[in-house]
Amino acid sequence: MRRHIIVFALLLGLAAVPPHPARACGFGEAPGDCGQTPESDARAMLRRVVAAVQANEAKALQQFAHGEGGFHTVENYVFCVGPDGVMSAHPNAALQGMDVRDLHDSTGNHFIATMLQEAKSGQLASIRYLFPRPGGTRELTKTTYYTRAGDQMCGVGFYDDAETAAAPQSPQARLAQLRARLTAGMPASLGADWTAFQQALDEDAATKAAAFARVREQVHAAEAVLAADGPLTASR
């Protein structure tokens, strides 16, 4: 019981954080290398990526794809490409399992091919290109730090702050950012409770969405019946 009270209190405290907190880079980072700049956050996360792949590649790739373990924050996410050029981890499910060697931006920059060619173990390199945020379509300037982790080329990037601020945000995007901030700031000891809490929220949202879908179907069916009967007239 005490543990759940602590979780609830922590959620209230984090929810009160101002709109522009220091950028977090996930669980377990050293204070001097986390939350300083987008660049330092990306580099810090990428070092964690390498360690995770070396410890258990299959588990790490699954975490990267689902944004688990603090590998997806407001500013940063992880992607990895295998030696065959296939995207082995990316938060955008449409890219998962896709041969991305020919992926390029509107300027013709084949950034994946460049990263695959130049990535080296133990070295962090950087590249700039245009790429939309997950769930978006508008190209934004992105800088990505990348390296080789095992047989994977993995990268962590960040978007240009000015362009990102100019882009309108949907309520869903704002909610996703809030959840990412909470995930990033959650102590590792409470990670399991926080994950269970998010799953419960998602299940509740799915139940409500299904209920609204049924109501819409019933309304459409009623409208069809009324349309077939013709306009109603007042009786005298």
C-alpha atoms as a PDB file:
ATOM      1  CA  MET A   1       0.000   0.000   0.000  1.00  0.00           C
ATOM      2  CA  ARG A   2       2.782   2.414   0.937  1.00  0.00           C
ATOM      3  CA  ARG A   3       4.463   1.762  -2.405  1.00  0.00           C
ATOM      4  CA  HIS A   4       1.331   2.695  -4.360  1.00  0.00           C
ATOM      5  CA  ILE A   5       0.971   5.898  -2.330  1.00  0.00           C
ATOM      6  CA  ILE A   6       4.553   6.831  -3.208  1.00  0.00           C
ATOM      7  CA  VAL A   7       3.841   6.212  -6.913  1.00  0.00           C
ATOM      8  CA  PHE A   8       0.713   8.385  -6.793  1.00  0.00           C
ATOM      9  CA  ALA A   9       2.531  11.202  -5.002  1.00  0.00           C
ATOM     10  CA  LEU A  10       5.389  11.040  -7.492  1.00  0.00           C
ATOM     11  CA  LEU A  11       2.955  11.260 -10.414  1.00  0.00           C
ATOM     12  CA  LEU A  12       1.340  14.363  -8.943  1.00  0.00           C
ATOM     13  CA  GLY A  13       4.729  15.986  -8.423  1.00  0.00           C
ATOM     14  CA  LEU A  14       5.935  15.218 -11.947  1.00  0.00           C
ATOM     15  CA  ALA A  15       2.670  16.398 -13.491  1.00  0.00           C
ATOM     16  CA  ALA A  16       3.290  19.807 -11.900  1.00  0.00           C
ATOM     17  CA  VAL A  17       6.635  20.226 -13.658  1.00  0.00           C
ATOM     18  CA  PRO A  18       6.731  23.355 -15.891  1.00  0.00           C
ATOM     19  CA  PRO A  19       6.154  22.815 -19.655  1.00  0.00           C
ATOM     20  CA  HIS A  20       9.886  23.042 -20.443  1.00  0.00           C
ATOM     21  CA  PRO A  21      11.739  20.874 -17.908  1.00  0.00           C
ATOM     22  CA  ALA A  22      15.342  19.746 -18.293  1.00  0.00           C
ATOM     23  CA  ARG A  23      15.414  17.075 -20.968  1.00  0.00           C
ATOM     24  CA  ALA A  24      15.519  13.609 -19.431  1.00  0.00           C
ATOM     25  CA  CYS A  25      17.310  10.673 -21.013  1.00  0.00           C
ATOM     26  CA  GLY A  26      15.860   7.721 -19.178  1.00  0.00           C
ATOM     27  CA  PHE A  27      16.620   5.573 -16.149  1.00  0.00           C
ATOM     28  CA  GLY A  28      20.061   5.182 -14.684  1.00  0.00           C
ATOM     29  CA  GLU A  29      21.978   8.044 -16.299  1.00  0.00           C
ATOM     30  CA  ALA A  30      24.799   9.851 -14.528  1.00  0.00           C
ATOM     31  CA  PRO A  31      23.623  13.356 -13.458  1.00  0.00           C
ATOM     32  CA  GLY A  32      26.441  15.071 -15.336  1.00  0.00           C
ATOM     33  CA  ASP A  33      25.491  13.453 -18.640  1.00  0.00           C
ATOM     34  CA  CYS A  34      21.722  13.713 -18.626  1.00  0.00           C
ATOM     35  CA  GLY A  35      19.230  16.544 -19.153  1.00  0.00           C
ATOM     36  CA  GLN A  36      21.838  19.102 -20.236  1.00  0.00           C
ATOM     37  CA  THR A  37      21.321  19.428 -24.014  1.00  0.00           C
ATOM     38  CA  PRO A  38      19.637  17.360 -26.740  1.00  0.00           C
ATOM     39  CA  GLU A  39      23.117  16.363 -27.929  1.00  0.00           C
ATOM     40  CA  SER A  40      24.259  15.060 -24.538  1.00  0.00           C
ATOM     41  CA  ASP A  41      20.952  13.261 -24.015  1.00  0.00           C
ATOM     42  CA  ALA A  42      21.267  11.497 -27.365  1.00  0.00           C
ATOM     43  CA  ARG A  43      24.867  10.481 -26.725  1.00  0.00           C
ATOM     44  CA  ALA A  44      24.048   9.248 -23.222  1.00  0.00           C
ATOM     45  CA  MET A  45      21.131   7.176 -24.466  1.00  0.00           C
ATOM     46  CA  LEU A  46      23.232   5.752 -27.298  1.00  0.00           C
ATOM     47  CA  ARG A  47      25.817   4.509 -24.813  1.00  0.00           C
ATOM     48  CA  ARG A  48      23.017   2.738 -22.954  1.00  0.00           C
ATOM     49  CA  VAL A  49      21.859   1.296 -26.266  1.00  0.00           C
ATOM     50  CA  VAL A  50      25.260  -0.267 -26.902  1.00  0.00           C
ATOM     51  CA  ALA A  51      25.358  -1.772 -23.405  1.00  0.00           C
ATOM     52  CA  ALA A  52      21.826  -3.177 -23.785  1.00  0.00           C
ATOM     53  CA  VAL A  53      22.600  -4.779 -27.170  1.00  0.00           C
ATOM     54  CA  GLN A  54      25.768  -6.327 -25.819  1.00  0.00           C
ATOM     55  CA  ALA A  55      23.892  -7.759 -22.827  1.00  0.00           C
ATOM     56  CA  ASN A  56      20.917  -9.191 -24.759  1.00  0.00           C
ATOM     57  CA  GLU A  57      20.388  -8.120 -28.372  1.00  0.00           C
ATOM     58  CA  ALA A  58      16.909  -9.627 -28.858  1.00  0.00           C
ATOM     59  CA  LYS A  59      15.559  -8.094 -25.635  1.00  0.00           C
ATOM     60  CA  ALA A  60      17.194  -4.741 -26.392  1.00  0.00           C
ATOM     61  CA  LEU A  61      15.703  -4.501 -29.885  1.00  0.00           C
ATOM     62  CA  GLN A  62      12.260  -5.226 -28.477  1.00  0.00           C
ATOM     63  CA  GLN A  63      12.693  -2.497 -25.861  1.00  0.00           C
ATOM     64  CA  PHE A  64      13.836  -0.010 -28.497  1.00  0.00           C
ATOM     65  CA  ALA A  65      10.851  -0.757 -30.757  1.00  0.00           C
ATOM     66  CA  HIS A  66       8.334  -0.380 -27.922  1.00  0.00           C
ATOM     67  CA  GLY A  67      10.034   2.515 -26.131  1.00  0.00           C
ATOM     68  CA  GLU A  68      10.533   0.473 -22.970  1.00  0.00           C
ATOM     69  CA  GLY A  69      13.263   0.711 -20.353  1.00  0.00           C
ATOM     70  CA  GLY A  70      13.599   4.481 -20.742  1.00  0.00           C
ATOM     71  CA  PHE A  71      14.647   4.190 -24.409  1.00  0.00           C
ATOM     72  CA  HIS A  72      12.018   6.653 -25.648  1.00  0.00           C
ATOM     73  CA  THR A  73      11.675  10.164 -24.191  1.00  0.00           C
ATOM     74  CA  VAL A  74      10.151  13.454 -25.297  1.00  0.00           C
ATOM     75  CA  GLU A  75      13.267  14.290 -27.299  1.00  0.00           C
ATOM     76  CA  ASN A  76      14.888  10.963 -28.147  1.00  0.00           C
ATOM     77  CA  TYR A  77      14.115   7.487 -29.433  1.00  0.00           C
ATOM     78  CA  VAL A  78      16.233   4.589 -30.671  1.00  0.00           C
ATOM     79  CA  PHE A  79      16.334   2.893 -34.058  1.00  0.00           C
ATOM     80  CA  CYS A  80      18.561   0.054 -35.252  1.00  0.00           C
ATOM     81  CA  VAL A  81      19.292  -1.416 -38.691  1.00  0.00           C
ATOM     82  CA  GLY A  82      20.735  -4.893 -39.189  1.00  0.00           C
ATOM     83  CA  PRO A  83      23.586  -5.849 -41.546  1.00  0.00           C
ATOM     84  CA  ASP A  84      21.003  -6.764 -44.209  1.00  0.00           C
ATOM     85  CA  GLY A  85      19.680  -3.193 -44.240  1.00  0.00           C
ATOM     86  CA  VAL A  86      16.416  -4.185 -42.526  1.00  0.00           C
ATOM     87  CA  MET A  87      15.070  -1.943 -39.759  1.00  0.00           C
ATOM     88  CA  SER A  88      15.230  -4.167 -36.692  1.00  0.00           C
ATOM     89  CA  ALA A  89      13.928  -1.596 -34.190  1.00  0.00           C
ATOM     90  CA  HIS A  90      11.933   1.613 -34.661  1.00  0.00           C
ATOM     91  CA  PRO A  91       8.952   3.160 -32.812  1.00  0.00           C
ATOM     92  CA  ASN A  92       7.172   3.496 -36.189  1.00  0.00           C
ATOM     93  CA  ALA A  93       5.766   0.005 -36.808  1.00  0.00           C
ATOM     94  CA  ALA A  94       5.533   0.756 -40.552  1.00  0.00           C
ATOM     95  CA  LEU A  95       9.346   0.838 -40.761  1.00  0.00           C
ATOM     96  CA  GLN A  96       9.875  -2.281 -38.637  1.00  0.00           C
ATOM     97  CA  GLY A  97      11.182  -5.142 -40.782  1.00  0.00           C
ATOM     98  CA  MET A  98      11.573  -2.898 -43.854  1.00  0.00           C
ATOM     99  CA  ASP A  99      14.687  -2.731 -46.026  1.00  0.00           C
ATOM    100  CA  VAL A 100      15.657   0.909 -45.501  1.00  0.00           C
ATOM    101  CA  ARG A 101      18.971   1.103 -47.340  1.00  0.00           C
ATOM    102  CA  ASP A 102      17.374   3.312 -49.993  1.00  0.00           C
ATOM    103  CA  LEU A 103      15.537   5.516 -47.475  1.00  0.00           C
ATOM    104  CA  HIS A 104      16.260   9.190 -48.177  1.00  0.00           C
ATOM    105  CA  ASP A 105      14.836  12.612 -47.414  1.00  0.00           C
ATOM    106  CA  SER A 106      13.414  15.187 -49.824  1.00  0.00           C
ATOM    107  CA  THR A 107      16.913  16.515 -50.559  1.00  0.00           C
ATOM    108  CA  GLY A 108      18.104  13.103 -51.759  1.00  0.00           C
ATOM    109  CA  ASN A 109      20.199  12.437 -48.651  1.00  0.00           C
ATOM    110  CA  HIS A 110      20.488   8.630 -48.290  1.00  0.00           C
ATOM    111  CA  PHE A 111      21.195   8.892 -44.580  1.00  0.00           C
ATOM    112  CA  ILE A 112      20.652   5.223 -43.678  1.00  0.00           C
ATOM    113  CA  ALA A 113      23.117   4.047 -46.321  1.00  0.00           C
ATOM    114  CA  THR A 114      25.647   6.564 -45.028  1.00  0.00           C
ATOM    115  CA  MET A 115      25.230   5.432 -41.435  1.00  0.00           C
ATOM    116  CA  LEU A 116      25.500   1.756 -42.385  1.00  0.00           C
ATOM    117  CA  GLN A 117      28.712   2.446 -44.256  1.00  0.00           C
ATOM    118  CA  GLU A 118      30.385   4.665 -41.666  1.00  0.00           C
ATOM    119  CA  ALA A 119      29.227   3.230 -38.323  1.00  0.00           C
ATOM    120  CA  LYS A 120      32.094   1.807 -36.265  1.00  0.00           C
ATOM    121  CA  SER A 121      32.124   0.029 -32.907  1.00  0.00           C
ATOM    122  CA  GLY A 122      33.309   2.230 -30.066  1.00  0.00           C
ATOM    123  CA  GLN A 123      32.858   5.453 -32.059  1.00  0.00           C
ATOM    124  CA  LEU A 124      29.937   7.902 -32.053  1.00  0.00           C
ATOM    125  CA  ALA A 125      29.396   9.725 -35.331  1.00  0.00           C
ATOM    126  CA  SER A 126      26.669  12.242 -36.246  1.00  0.00           C
ATOM    127  CA  ILE A 127      24.621  13.044 -39.332  1.00  0.00           C
ATOM    128  CA  ARG A 128      21.924  15.618 -40.201  1.00  0.00           C
ATOM    129  CA  TYR A 129      18.920  14.961 -42.415  1.00  0.00           C
ATOM    130  CA  LEU A 130      15.186  15.605 -42.724  1.00  0.00           C
ATOM    131  CA  PHE A 131      12.774  13.175 -41.089  1.00  0.00           C
ATOM    132  CA  PRO A 132       9.284  13.431 -39.526  1.00  0.00           C
ATOM    133  CA  ARG A 133       8.567  12.729 -35.886  1.00  0.00           C
ATOM    134  CA  PRO A 134       6.891   9.358 -35.138  1.00  0.00           C
ATOM    135  CA  GLY A 135       3.225   9.733 -36.038  1.00  0.00           C
ATOM    136  CA  GLY A 136       3.857  12.857 -38.137  1.00  0.00           C
ATOM    137  CA  THR A 137       4.394  13.555 -41.826  1.00  0.00           C
ATOM    138  CA  ARG A 138       6.160  16.943 -41.802  1.00  0.00           C
ATOM    139  CA  GLU A 139       9.904  16.701 -42.374  1.00  0.00           C
ATOM    140  CA  LEU A 140      11.985  18.310 -39.634  1.00  0.00           C
ATOM    141  CA  THR A 141      15.724  18.809 -39.398  1.00  0.00           C
ATOM    142  CA  LYS A 142      17.132  15.972 -37.327  1.00  0.00           C
ATOM    143  CA  THR A 143      20.620  15.269 -35.990  1.00  0.00           C
ATOM    144  CA  THR A 144      21.374  11.649 -35.183  1.00  0.00           C
ATOM    145  CA  TYR A 145      24.279  10.148 -33.268  1.00  0.00           C
ATOM    146  CA  TYR A 146      24.993   6.593 -34.381  1.00  0.00           C
ATOM    147  CA  THR A 147      27.397   3.733 -33.806  1.00  0.00           C
ATOM    148  CA  ARG A 148      27.744  -0.011 -34.332  1.00  0.00           C
ATOM    149  CA  ALA A 149      26.448  -2.236 -31.540  1.00  0.00           C
ATOM    150  CA  GLY A 150      27.218  -5.864 -32.272  1.00  0.00           C
ATOM    151  CA  ASP A 151      26.001  -6.454 -35.816  1.00  0.00           C
ATOM    152  CA  GLN A 152      23.481  -3.596 -35.545  1.00  0.00           C
ATOM    153  CA  MET A 153      23.833   0.032 -36.579  1.00  0.00           C
ATOM    154  CA  CYS A 154      21.925   1.990 -33.937  1.00  0.00           C
ATOM    155  CA  GLY A 155      21.139   5.676 -33.706  1.00  0.00           C
ATOM    156  CA  VAL A 156      19.525   8.190 -31.360  1.00  0.00           C
ATOM    157  CA  GLY A 157      18.576  11.609 -32.692  1.00  0.00           C
ATOM    158  CA  PHE A 158      16.898  14.882 -31.812  1.00  0.00           C
ATOM    159  CA  TYR A 159      14.918  17.439 -33.783  1.00  0.00           C
ATOM    160  CA  ASP A 160      15.555  21.128 -34.325  1.00  0.00           C
ATOM    161  CA  ASP A 161      13.944  22.949 -31.397  1.00  0.00           C
ATOM    162  CA  ALA A 162      12.739  25.943 -33.423  1.00  0.00           C
ATOM    163  CA  GLU A 163      11.056  23.794 -36.079  1.00  0.00           C
ATOM    164  CA  THR A 164       9.509  21.515 -33.468  1.00  0.00           C
ATOM    165  CA  ALA A 165       8.098  24.462 -31.519  1.00  0.00           C
ATOM    166  CA  ALA A 166       6.518  25.848 -34.697  1.00  0.00           C
ATOM    167  CA  ALA A 167       4.748  22.561 -35.463  1.00  0.00           C
ATOM    168  CA  PRO A 168       1.182  22.352 -34.041  1.00  0.00           C
ATOM    169  CA  GLN A 169       0.625  19.608 -31.482  1.00  0.00           C
ATOM    170  CA  SER A 170      -2.445  17.421 -31.180  1.00  0.00           C
ATOM    171  CA  PRO A 171      -3.889  16.488 -27.756  1.00  0.00           C
ATOM    172  CA  GLN A 172      -2.640  12.946 -28.385  1.00  0.00           C
ATOM    173  CA  ALA A 173       0.887  14.240 -28.999  1.00  0.00           C
ATOM    174  CA  ARG A 174       0.814  16.327 -25.818  1.00  0.00           C
ATOM    175  CA  LEU A 175      -0.390  13.311 -23.842  1.00  0.00           C
ATOM    176  CA  ALA A 176       2.370  11.164 -25.337  1.00  0.00           C
ATOM    177  CA  GLN A 177       4.947  13.793 -24.348  1.00  0.00           C
ATOM    178  CA  LEU A 178       3.630  13.949 -20.791  1.00  0.00           C
ATOM    179  CA  ARG A 179       3.786  10.165 -20.471  1.00  0.00           C
ATOM    180  CA  ALA A 180       7.306  10.176 -21.895  1.00  0.00           C
ATOM    181  CA  ARG A 181       8.389  12.815 -19.356  1.00  0.00           C
ATOM    182  CA  LEU A 182       6.928  10.773 -16.531  1.00  0.00           C
ATOM    183  CA  THR A 183       8.607   7.615 -17.805  1.00  0.00           C
ATOM    184  CA  ALA A 184      11.943   9.374 -18.105  1.00  0.00           C
ATOM    185  CA  GLY A 185      11.760  10.775 -14.575  1.00  0.00           C
ATOM    186  CA  MET A 186      10.469   7.621 -12.901  1.00  0.00           C
ATOM    187  CA  PRO A 187      12.974   5.953 -10.541  1.00  0.00           C
ATOM    188  CA  ALA A 188      13.995   2.500 -11.716  1.00  0.00           C
ATOM    189  CA  SER A 189      12.587   0.965  -8.514  1.00  0.00           C
ATOM    190  CA  LEU A 190       9.084   2.095  -9.541  1.00  0.00           C
ATOM    191  CA  GLY A 191       9.426   1.138 -13.203  1.00  0.00           C
ATOM    192  CA  ALA A 192       7.254  -2.001 -12.909  1.00  0.00           C
ATOM    193  CA  ASP A 193       4.406  -0.125 -11.166  1.00  0.00           C
ATOM    194  CA  TRP A 194       4.535   2.678 -13.731  1.00  0.00           C
ATOM    195  CA  THR A 195       4.425   0.211 -16.636  1.00  0.00           C
ATOM    196  CA  ALA A 196       1.412  -1.548 -15.087  1.00  0.00           C
ATOM    197  CA  PHE A 197      -0.283   1.834 -14.564  1.00  0.00           C
ATOM    198  CA  GLN A 198       0.209   2.777 -18.232  1.00  0.00           C
ATOM    199  CA  GLN A 199      -1.105  -0.593 -19.392  1.00  0.00           C
ATOM    200  CA  ALA A 200      -4.217  -0.103 -17.263  1.00  0.00           C
ATOM    201  CA  LEU A 201      -4.755   3.346 -18.806  1.00  0.00           C
ATOM    202  CA  ASP A 202      -4.358   1.936 -22.317  1.00  0.00           C
ATOM    203  CA  GLU A 203      -6.807  -0.883 -21.616  1.00  0.00           C
ATOM    204  CA  ASP A 204      -9.341   1.585 -20.200  1.00  0.00           C
ATOM    205  CA  ALA A 205      -8.931   3.835 -23.246  1.00  0.00           C
ATOM    206  CA  ALA A 206      -9.401   0.854 -25.577  1.00  0.00           C
ATOM    207  CA  THR A 207     -12.586  -0.167 -23.745  1.00  0.00           C
ATOM    208  CA  LYS A 208     -14.004   3.361 -24.024  1.00  0.00           C
ATOM    209  CA  ALA A 209     -13.057   3.567 -27.714  1.00  0.00           C
ATOM    210  CA  ALA A 210     -14.855   0.276 -28.405  1.00  0.00           C
ATOM    211  CA  ALA A 211     -17.952   1.517 -26.546  1.00  0.00           C
ATOM    212  CA  PHE A 212     -18.003   4.778 -28.540  1.00  0.00           C
ATOM    213  CA  ALA A 213     -17.578   2.788 -31.765  1.00  0.00           C
ATOM    214  CA  ARG A 214     -20.649   0.693 -30.893  1.00  0.00           C
ATOM    215  CA  VAL A 215     -22.668   3.828 -30.129  1.00  0.00           C
ATOM    216  CA  ARG A 216     -21.653   5.369 -33.460  1.00  0.00           C
ATOM    217  CA  GLU A 217     -22.728   2.202 -35.275  1.00  0.00           C
ATOM    218  CA  GLN A 218     -26.132   2.310 -33.556  1.00  0.00           C
ATOM    219  CA  VAL A 219     -26.572   6.010 -34.395  1.00  0.00           C
ATOM    220  CA  HIS A 220     -25.687   5.385 -38.043  1.00  0.00           C
ATOM    221  CA  ALA A 221     -28.134   2.480 -38.162  1.00  0.00           C
ATOM    222  CA  ALA A 222     -30.891   4.661 -36.688  1.00  0.00           C
ATOM    223  CA  GLU A 223     -30.132   7.412 -39.205  1.00  0.00           C
ATOM    224  CA  ALA A 224     -30.370   4.887 -42.036  1.00  0.00           C
ATOM    225  CA  VAL A 225     -33.802   3.714 -40.808  1.00  0.00           C
ATOM    226  CA  LEU A 226     -35.082   7.274 -40.508  1.00  0.00           C
ATOM    227  CA  ALA A 227     -33.775   8.139 -43.966  1.00  0.00           C
ATOM    228  CA  ALA A 228     -35.525   5.094 -45.450  1.00  0.00           C
ATOM    229  CA  ASP A 229     -38.855   6.069 -43.830  1.00  0.00           C
ATOM    230  CA  GLY A 230     -38.669   9.559 -45.276  1.00  0.00           C
ATOM    231  CA  PRO A 231     -39.036  12.912 -43.473  1.00  0.00           C
ATOM    232  CA  LEU A 232     -41.264  13.040 -40.445  1.00  0.00           C
ATOM    233  CA  THR A 233     -44.445  15.146 -40.702  1.00  0.00           C
ATOM    234  CA  ALA A 234     -46.397  16.628 -37.843  1.00  0.00           C
ATOM    235  CA  SER A 235     -49.851  15.062 -37.277  1.00  0.00           C
ATOM    236  CA  ARG A 236     -52.899  17.174 -36.684  1.00  0.00           C
END
